[in-house]
């Protein structure tokens, strides 16, 4: 089992940058595929990015490609989401999530992730 805690959210102007982090408990962090999701008010939770166990594979939702970068530090049990060129439509609560497997067809599915953090608010002002 793994416990996830996000941090680093906040208020930023459009065009700015922010990095959110997710710290995981336990000694098996490298056994998990890590994902970032976000949920805006009145909308469903959506996939943002995923990174495999040692960072060899990453995937992004089209709307953040070229602006967001997911990375992980297995020695520190932490996964990051660097967000650049932020837009007001990026405003949401950002969640990290963990799963044991990577599915090329379902890495974006919230139902396939076993563990979730409590979320961190990111607000982008125009």
Foldseek 3Di string as FASTA:
>chain_A
DKAKAKDWADEEAAQAKTKMKIAIDDLCLLQKKKFKWWDDPPGDIWGAKIAHSQRPDMDGDPVQPPFWDWDDDSVRRMIMIIGGNDDQVVWTWMKMFIARDDDPVPNTPPVRTDYIYPTDTHGYHD
